[in-house]
Amino acid sequence: MASAVPAAIKLLTGLAGVHLLASAAFIVQRQAIMSKLGGEAAAVLLANGIADGTAHWSDAEGHVSRLARLSGTADAATRARVAAQLAARPGIAGVVWQDRR
């Protein structure tokens, strides 16, 4: 049993290190990723005639996600077309339309 404790400590230390590195990488890359996704969303909104459209990439608690939360003046058919175009792009997990924030 005594030999299992050092192995467990090594494992936990390794897991903590990986978590720390992954968190740091996300913090550094988050802005670039969200900027790229936001630019793509803006281009699709404008291409479909939604000049007042916005895309938010965080939930109500402020957690960043790849779910595009869109708002803007558009009929149901245009919203469906925009949602399909954005959902097909790499990096975007899904699309929901919501009232303005």
N, C-alpha and C. Protein backbone atom coordinates (compact mmCIF):
# COMPACT_ATOMS: atom_id res chain seq x y z
N MET A 1 0.82 -1.19 0.00
CA MET A 1 0.00 0.00 0.00
C MET A 1 0.86 1.25 0.00
N ALA A 2 2.03 1.16 0.64
CA ALA A 2 2.91 2.33 0.72
C ALA A 2 3.41 2.74 -0.66
N SER A 3 3.62 1.79 -1.57
CA SER A 3 4.10 2.12 -2.91
C SER A 3 3.00 2.76 -3.76
N ALA A 4 1.74 2.55 -3.43
CA ALA A 4 0.64 3.14 -4.19
C ALA A 4 0.49 4.63 -3.90
N VAL A 5 0.89 5.07 -2.73
CA VAL A 5 0.75 6.48 -2.37
C VAL A 5 1.62 7.37 -3.25
N PRO A 6 2.91 7.07 -3.43
CA PRO A 6 3.72 7.92 -4.32
C PRO A 6 3.19 7.94 -5.75
N ALA A 7 2.70 6.81 -6.25
CA ALA A 7 2.14 6.77 -7.59
C ALA A 7 0.90 7.65 -7.68
N ALA A 8 0.07 7.61 -6.66
CA ALA A 8 -1.13 8.44 -6.64
C ALA A 8 -0.77 9.91 -6.58
N ILE A 9 0.26 10.24 -5.82
CA ILE A 9 0.70 11.63 -5.72
C ILE A 9 1.25 12.10 -7.07
N LYS A 10 2.01 11.23 -7.74
CA LYS A 10 2.52 11.58 -9.07
C LYS A 10 1.38 11.80 -10.05
N LEU A 11 0.40 10.94 -10.00
CA LEU A 11 -0.75 11.07 -10.89
C LEU A 11 -1.50 12.38 -10.63
N LEU A 12 -1.78 12.68 -9.38
CA LEU A 12 -2.49 13.92 -9.04
C LEU A 12 -1.68 15.15 -9.42
N THR A 13 -0.37 15.09 -9.21
CA THR A 13 0.49 16.22 -9.60
C THR A 13 0.47 16.40 -11.11
N GLY A 14 0.53 15.32 -11.85
CA GLY A 14 0.46 15.39 -13.31
C GLY A 14 -0.86 15.94 -13.79
N LEU A 15 -1.95 15.48 -13.19
CA LEU A 15 -3.27 15.99 -13.56
C LEU A 15 -3.41 17.47 -13.26
N ALA A 16 -2.90 17.89 -12.12
CA ALA A 16 -2.95 19.31 -11.76
C ALA A 16 -2.13 20.15 -12.74
N GLY A 17 -0.97 19.64 -13.13
CA GLY A 17 -0.13 20.35 -14.10
C GLY A 17 -0.79 20.49 -15.45
N VAL A 18 -1.40 19.42 -15.92
CA VAL A 18 -2.11 19.45 -17.21
C VAL A 18 -3.27 20.43 -17.15
N HIS A 19 -4.01 20.40 -16.07
CA HIS A 19 -5.14 21.32 -15.90
C HIS A 19 -4.66 22.78 -15.91
N LEU A 20 -3.58 23.04 -15.21
CA LEU A 20 -3.03 24.40 -15.16
C LEU A 20 -2.57 24.87 -16.54
N LEU A 21 -1.87 24.01 -17.27
CA LEU A 21 -1.42 24.37 -18.61
C LEU A 21 -2.59 24.58 -19.57
N ALA A 22 -3.58 23.71 -19.50
CA ALA A 22 -4.75 23.85 -20.38
C ALA A 22 -5.52 25.12 -20.07
N SER A 23 -5.67 25.45 -18.79
CA SER A 23 -6.37 26.67 -18.40
C SER A 23 -5.62 27.90 -18.89
N ALA A 24 -4.31 27.90 -18.74
CA ALA A 24 -3.50 29.04 -19.19
C ALA A 24 -3.58 29.19 -20.71
N ALA A 25 -3.53 28.08 -21.43
CA ALA A 25 -3.62 28.14 -22.89
C ALA A 25 -4.97 28.68 -23.33
N PHE A 26 -6.03 28.28 -22.65
CA PHE A 26 -7.36 28.77 -22.99
C PHE A 26 -7.45 30.27 -22.75
N ILE A 27 -6.92 30.73 -21.64
CA ILE A 27 -6.97 32.17 -21.33
C ILE A 27 -6.23 32.97 -22.40
N VAL A 28 -5.08 32.47 -22.82
CA VAL A 28 -4.29 33.17 -23.83
C VAL A 28 -4.98 33.16 -25.19
N GLN A 29 -5.57 32.05 -25.56
CA GLN A 29 -6.17 31.91 -26.89
C GLN A 29 -7.64 32.31 -26.98
N ARG A 30 -8.30 32.47 -25.86
CA ARG A 30 -9.74 32.74 -25.85
C ARG A 30 -10.12 33.94 -26.70
N GLN A 31 -9.43 35.06 -26.52
CA GLN A 31 -9.78 36.27 -27.24
C GLN A 31 -9.65 36.09 -28.75
N ALA A 32 -8.58 35.44 -29.18
CA ALA A 32 -8.39 35.23 -30.62
C ALA A 32 -9.47 34.32 -31.20
N ILE A 33 -9.82 33.28 -30.46
CA ILE A 33 -10.85 32.36 -30.93
C ILE A 33 -12.20 33.05 -31.00
N MET A 34 -12.56 33.78 -29.95
CA MET A 34 -13.85 34.46 -29.92
C MET A 34 -13.91 35.57 -30.98
N SER A 35 -12.80 36.22 -31.24
CA SER A 35 -12.75 37.26 -32.27
C SER A 35 -12.98 36.65 -33.65
N LYS A 36 -12.35 35.51 -33.90
CA LYS A 36 -12.54 34.85 -35.19
C LYS A 36 -13.99 34.41 -35.37
N LEU A 37 -14.57 33.79 -34.35
CA LEU A 37 -15.95 33.34 -34.44
C LEU A 37 -16.90 34.53 -34.58
N GLY A 38 -16.62 35.61 -33.85
CA GLY A 38 -17.45 36.81 -33.94
C GLY A 38 -17.40 37.44 -35.31
N GLY A 39 -16.22 37.46 -35.91
CA GLY A 39 -16.09 37.99 -37.27
C GLY A 39 -16.88 37.18 -38.27
N GLU A 40 -16.83 35.87 -38.13
CA GLU A 40 -17.61 35.00 -39.02
C GLU A 40 -19.10 35.24 -38.84
N ALA A 41 -19.55 35.37 -37.60
CA ALA A 41 -20.97 35.61 -37.33
C ALA A 41 -21.40 36.95 -37.92
N ALA A 42 -20.60 37.97 -37.74
CA ALA A 42 -20.93 39.30 -38.28
C ALA A 42 -21.04 39.26 -39.80
N ALA A 43 -20.13 38.55 -40.44
CA ALA A 43 -20.17 38.45 -41.90
C ALA A 43 -21.43 37.76 -42.38
N VAL A 44 -21.82 36.69 -41.71
CA VAL A 44 -23.04 35.96 -42.10
C VAL A 44 -24.27 36.82 -41.85
N LEU A 45 -24.32 37.51 -40.71
CA LEU A 45 -25.47 38.38 -40.42
C LEU A 45 -25.61 39.46 -41.50
N LEU A 46 -24.51 40.12 -41.82
CA LEU A 46 -24.56 41.18 -42.84
C LEU A 46 -24.89 40.63 -44.22
N ALA A 47 -24.37 39.47 -44.57
CA ALA A 47 -24.65 38.87 -45.87
C ALA A 47 -26.14 38.53 -46.03
N ASN A 48 -26.82 38.34 -44.90
CA ASN A 48 -28.25 38.03 -44.94
C ASN A 48 -29.11 39.25 -44.64
N GLY A 49 -28.50 40.43 -44.70
CA GLY A 49 -29.26 41.68 -44.56
C GLY A 49 -29.64 42.05 -43.14
N ILE A 50 -28.96 41.50 -42.15
CA ILE A 50 -29.27 41.82 -40.76
C ILE A 50 -28.22 42.82 -40.26
N ALA A 51 -28.48 44.10 -40.53
CA ALA A 51 -27.51 45.15 -40.20
C ALA A 51 -27.42 45.41 -38.70
N ASP A 52 -28.49 45.13 -37.96
CA ASP A 52 -28.48 45.39 -36.52
C ASP A 52 -28.19 44.12 -35.71
N GLY A 53 -27.64 43.10 -36.35
CA GLY A 53 -27.40 41.83 -35.69
C GLY A 53 -26.19 41.85 -34.76
N THR A 54 -26.29 41.09 -33.71
CA THR A 54 -25.17 40.92 -32.78
C THR A 54 -25.03 39.44 -32.43
N ALA A 55 -23.83 39.06 -32.05
CA ALA A 55 -23.55 37.69 -31.60
C ALA A 55 -22.84 37.77 -30.26
N HIS A 56 -23.34 37.03 -29.30
CA HIS A 56 -22.70 36.93 -27.99
C HIS A 56 -22.21 35.50 -27.80
N TRP A 57 -21.08 35.38 -27.14
CA TRP A 57 -20.44 34.07 -26.98
C TRP A 57 -20.32 33.68 -25.52
N SER A 58 -21.13 34.28 -24.65
CA SER A 58 -21.11 33.91 -23.24
C SER A 58 -22.54 33.73 -22.76
N ASP A 59 -22.68 32.90 -21.73
CA ASP A 59 -24.01 32.65 -21.18
C ASP A 59 -24.34 33.70 -20.12
N ALA A 60 -25.47 33.55 -19.46
CA ALA A 60 -25.93 34.52 -18.47
C ALA A 60 -24.95 34.66 -17.30
N GLU A 61 -24.21 33.60 -17.00
CA GLU A 61 -23.23 33.64 -15.91
C GLU A 61 -21.88 34.18 -16.36
N GLY A 62 -21.73 34.46 -17.66
CA GLY A 62 -20.48 34.99 -18.17
C GLY A 62 -19.48 33.95 -18.65
N HIS A 63 -19.88 32.69 -18.69
CA HIS A 63 -18.99 31.63 -19.16
C HIS A 63 -18.95 31.65 -20.69
N VAL A 64 -17.76 31.64 -21.24
CA VAL A 64 -17.58 31.65 -22.68
C VAL A 64 -17.97 30.29 -23.25
N SER A 65 -18.65 30.30 -24.39
CA SER A 65 -19.01 29.05 -25.04
C SER A 65 -18.93 29.22 -26.54
N ARG A 66 -19.03 28.13 -27.27
CA ARG A 66 -19.03 28.18 -28.72
C ARG A 66 -20.44 28.23 -29.28
N LEU A 67 -21.42 28.45 -28.41
CA LEU A 67 -22.80 28.60 -28.82
C LEU A 67 -23.06 30.07 -29.15
N ALA A 68 -23.39 30.35 -30.39
CA ALA A 68 -23.66 31.73 -30.80
C ALA A 68 -25.06 32.13 -30.36
N ARG A 69 -25.13 33.17 -29.56
CA ARG A 69 -26.42 33.72 -29.13
C ARG A 69 -26.64 34.98 -29.95
N LEU A 70 -27.54 34.88 -30.93
CA LEU A 70 -27.74 35.95 -31.89
C LEU A 70 -28.97 36.77 -31.57
N SER A 71 -28.91 38.04 -31.96
CA SER A 71 -30.08 38.90 -31.89
C SER A 71 -30.03 39.83 -33.09
N GLY A 72 -31.17 40.36 -33.46
CA GLY A 72 -31.25 41.26 -34.61
C GLY A 72 -32.61 41.14 -35.25
N THR A 73 -32.91 42.11 -36.11
CA THR A 73 -34.20 42.15 -36.78
C THR A 73 -34.17 41.26 -38.01
N ALA A 74 -34.94 40.17 -37.96
CA ALA A 74 -35.01 39.25 -39.10
C ALA A 74 -36.25 38.39 -38.96
N ASP A 75 -36.79 37.98 -40.10
CA ASP A 75 -37.95 37.09 -40.06
C ASP A 75 -37.48 35.66 -39.77
N ALA A 76 -38.44 34.79 -39.58
CA ALA A 76 -38.13 33.41 -39.18
C ALA A 76 -37.29 32.69 -40.24
N ALA A 77 -37.58 32.90 -41.51
CA ALA A 77 -36.84 32.22 -42.57
C ALA A 77 -35.38 32.69 -42.60
N THR A 78 -35.16 33.99 -42.44
CA THR A 78 -33.79 34.52 -42.43
C THR A 78 -33.05 34.00 -41.21
N ARG A 79 -33.71 33.96 -40.06
CA ARG A 79 -33.06 33.45 -38.85
C ARG A 79 -32.66 31.99 -39.03
N ALA A 80 -33.53 31.21 -39.65
CA ALA A 80 -33.21 29.79 -39.87
C ALA A 80 -32.03 29.66 -40.83
N ARG A 81 -32.00 30.48 -41.87
CA ARG A 81 -30.91 30.43 -42.85
C ARG A 81 -29.58 30.82 -42.19
N VAL A 82 -29.59 31.89 -41.39
CA VAL A 82 -28.39 32.33 -40.69
C VAL A 82 -27.92 31.25 -39.71
N ALA A 83 -28.85 30.68 -38.97
CA ALA A 83 -28.49 29.63 -38.01
C ALA A 83 -27.85 28.44 -38.71
N ALA A 84 -28.39 28.04 -39.85
CA ALA A 84 -27.84 26.90 -40.59
C ALA A 84 -26.45 27.23 -41.12
N GLN A 85 -26.27 28.44 -41.65
CA GLN A 85 -24.96 28.83 -42.18
C GLN A 85 -23.90 28.87 -41.09
N LEU A 86 -24.26 29.40 -39.93
CA LEU A 86 -23.29 29.48 -38.83
C LEU A 86 -23.01 28.12 -38.21
N ALA A 87 -24.05 27.32 -38.04
CA ALA A 87 -23.86 26.00 -37.42
C ALA A 87 -22.96 25.10 -38.26
N ALA A 88 -22.89 25.36 -39.56
CA ALA A 88 -22.06 24.55 -40.45
C ALA A 88 -20.58 24.93 -40.38
N ARG A 89 -20.26 26.03 -39.73
CA ARG A 89 -18.87 26.49 -39.67
C ARG A 89 -18.12 25.79 -38.54
N PRO A 90 -16.85 25.45 -38.79
CA PRO A 90 -16.04 24.82 -37.75
C PRO A 90 -15.86 25.76 -36.55
N GLY A 91 -15.94 25.21 -35.37
CA GLY A 91 -15.74 25.99 -34.15
C GLY A 91 -17.02 26.50 -33.52
N ILE A 92 -18.11 26.52 -34.29
CA ILE A 92 -19.38 26.99 -33.74
C ILE A 92 -20.23 25.77 -33.41
N ALA A 93 -20.55 25.63 -32.13
CA ALA A 93 -21.26 24.44 -31.66
C ALA A 93 -22.74 24.49 -31.97
N GLY A 94 -23.30 25.68 -32.06
CA GLY A 94 -24.73 25.83 -32.32
C GLY A 94 -25.12 27.28 -32.31
N VAL A 95 -26.39 27.52 -32.61
CA VAL A 95 -26.89 28.89 -32.71
C VAL A 95 -28.27 28.96 -32.06
N VAL A 96 -28.49 30.00 -31.27
CA VAL A 96 -29.82 30.29 -30.75
C VAL A 96 -30.09 31.78 -30.97
N TRP A 97 -31.33 32.10 -31.25
CA TRP A 97 -31.75 33.48 -31.38
C TRP A 97 -32.40 33.91 -30.08
N GLN A 98 -32.13 35.11 -29.63
CA GLN A 98 -32.69 35.60 -28.39
C GLN A 98 -32.97 37.10 -28.51
N ASP A 99 -33.73 37.61 -27.55
CA ASP A 99 -33.99 39.04 -27.50
C ASP A 99 -32.70 39.78 -27.19
N ARG A 100 -32.68 41.03 -27.54
CA ARG A 100 -31.49 41.84 -27.28
C ARG A 100 -31.17 41.88 -25.79
N ARG A 101 -29.86 41.96 -25.49
CA ARG A 101 -29.42 42.06 -24.10
C ARG A 101 -29.45 43.49 -23.66
